[in-house]
Amino acid sequence: MSDKHELTSMTVSLPSMQKDYVREQAAATGCSTPSEYIRRLIHADQKAHEQEELELKILEGLDSPAREMTVKEWSKLRQSLRNTLAKRRKAQCRAPRERTGDLARGRRRGPH
């Protein structure tokens, strides 16, 4: 079973100017490695896509015909949101400990 927070490696080919840029930006932004800088960029891109999806869903809802929700529908929606938030919080709490534990045991996290 693979942990979704487990780091794996990927080889990416870049022109030398882009490679230099990534190294410079990694140092300038406080990243310890170019890999960390790339992970931050990917994370920011993922967040931007999630935000866009959310905004599209909100617009879709605003454009749909209005109707009253039943008490049962509200209850189901609340429970679904609570479950989603609980899973997210559990994942956020677990991830930093796993990373810290690996570093404390001297394990490298991915290519550096």
Protein backbone atom coordinates (compact mmCIF):
# COMPACT_ATOMS: atom_id res chain seq x y z
CA MET A 1 0.00 0.00 0.00
CA SER A 2 1.44 3.37 -1.04
CA ASP A 3 1.08 6.40 1.22
CA LYS A 4 -0.04 9.43 -0.77
CA HIS A 5 2.52 11.54 1.15
CA GLU A 6 5.41 9.20 0.32
CA LEU A 7 7.89 10.93 -1.93
CA THR A 8 8.99 9.33 -5.16
CA SER A 9 11.34 10.59 -7.82
CA MET A 10 10.70 11.90 -11.32
CA THR A 11 13.19 13.01 -13.91
CA VAL A 12 12.36 16.24 -15.72
CA SER A 13 14.43 17.61 -18.60
CA LEU A 14 14.89 21.37 -18.64
CA PRO A 15 16.92 23.78 -20.75
CA SER A 16 19.92 25.01 -18.77
CA MET A 17 18.39 28.49 -18.38
CA GLN A 18 15.31 27.01 -16.70
CA LYS A 19 17.44 24.74 -14.51
CA ASP A 20 19.43 27.78 -13.36
CA TYR A 21 16.19 29.68 -12.75
CA VAL A 22 14.75 26.86 -10.62
CA ARG A 23 17.93 26.74 -8.52
CA GLU A 24 17.93 30.52 -8.08
CA GLN A 25 14.25 30.61 -7.14
CA ALA A 26 14.65 27.72 -4.73
CA ALA A 27 17.36 29.64 -2.88
CA ALA A 28 15.49 32.95 -3.07
CA THR A 29 12.26 31.48 -1.66
CA GLY A 30 13.91 29.62 1.20
CA CYS A 31 13.54 26.15 -0.26
CA SER A 32 16.29 23.78 0.81
CA THR A 33 16.36 22.06 -2.60
CA PRO A 34 15.09 22.60 -6.14
CA SER A 35 12.80 19.61 -5.53
CA GLU A 36 11.12 21.44 -2.66
CA TYR A 37 10.63 24.49 -4.88
CA ILE A 38 9.01 22.37 -7.62
CA ARG A 39 6.75 20.66 -5.04
CA ARG A 40 5.64 24.12 -3.83
CA LEU A 41 4.86 25.19 -7.39
CA ILE A 42 2.82 22.05 -8.01
CA HIS A 43 0.99 22.50 -4.71
CA ALA A 44 0.13 26.11 -5.59
CA ASP A 45 -1.13 24.97 -9.00
CA GLN A 46 -3.28 22.27 -7.38
CA LYS A 47 -4.77 24.83 -4.98
CA ALA A 48 -5.52 27.20 -7.87
CA HIS A 49 -7.34 24.44 -9.75
CA GLU A 50 -9.30 23.49 -6.62
CA GLN A 51 -10.30 27.14 -6.16
CA GLU A 52 -11.39 27.38 -9.80
CA GLU A 53 -13.48 24.21 -9.46
CA LEU A 54 -15.11 25.58 -6.32
CA GLU A 55 -15.92 28.89 -8.00
CA LEU A 56 -17.42 27.06 -11.00
CA LYS A 57 -19.60 24.96 -8.69
CA ILE A 58 -20.75 28.08 -6.86
CA LEU A 59 -21.61 29.79 -10.14
CA GLU A 60 -23.44 26.67 -11.30
CA GLY A 61 -25.45 26.73 -8.09
CA LEU A 62 -26.21 30.42 -8.42
CA ASP A 63 -27.36 29.90 -12.01
CA SER A 64 -29.63 26.97 -11.13
CA PRO A 65 -33.29 27.46 -10.26
CA ALA A 66 -33.87 28.22 -6.60
CA ARG A 67 -35.73 25.70 -4.47
CA GLU A 68 -36.21 25.05 -0.79
CA MET A 69 -34.07 22.34 0.76
CA THR A 70 -35.68 19.91 3.14
CA VAL A 71 -34.46 19.40 6.70
CA LYS A 72 -33.21 15.96 5.63
CA GLU A 73 -31.20 17.47 2.74
CA TRP A 74 -29.61 20.05 5.06
CA SER A 75 -28.75 17.33 7.57
CA LYS A 76 -27.17 15.17 4.86
CA LEU A 77 -25.17 18.14 3.54
CA ARG A 78 -23.91 19.05 7.02
CA GLN A 79 -22.84 15.46 7.73
CA SER A 80 -21.06 15.19 4.38
CA LEU A 81 -19.14 18.41 5.04
CA ARG A 82 -18.24 17.32 8.58
CA ASN A 83 -16.89 14.02 7.25
CA THR A 84 -14.86 15.77 4.55
CA LEU A 85 -13.37 18.23 7.05
CA ALA A 86 -12.56 15.48 9.55
CA LYS A 87 -10.71 13.48 6.88
CA ARG A 88 -8.81 16.57 5.75
CA ARG A 89 -7.81 17.50 9.31
CA LYS A 90 -6.72 13.94 10.04
CA ALA A 91 -4.54 13.91 6.91
CA GLN A 92 -3.02 17.31 7.77
CA CYS A 93 -2.19 16.24 11.31
CA ARG A 94 -0.67 12.94 10.21
CA ALA A 95 1.51 14.27 7.36
CA PRO A 96 3.87 16.54 9.37
CA ARG A 97 4.56 13.80 11.95
CA GLU A 98 5.38 11.29 9.24
CA ARG A 99 7.79 13.70 7.59
CA THR A 100 9.40 14.64 10.90
CA GLY A 101 9.75 10.98 11.86
CA ASP A 102 11.48 10.12 8.59
CA LEU A 103 13.93 12.99 9.00
CA ALA A 104 14.60 12.06 12.61
CA ARG A 105 15.43 8.52 11.52
CA GLY A 106 17.83 9.91 8.90
CA ARG A 107 15.72 8.99 5.88
CA ARG A 108 15.92 11.23 2.87
CA ARG A 109 12.66 12.30 1.34
CA GLY A 110 12.98 12.02 -2.39
CA PRO A 111 15.76 13.16 -4.69
CA HIS A 112 17.77 16.21 -3.64
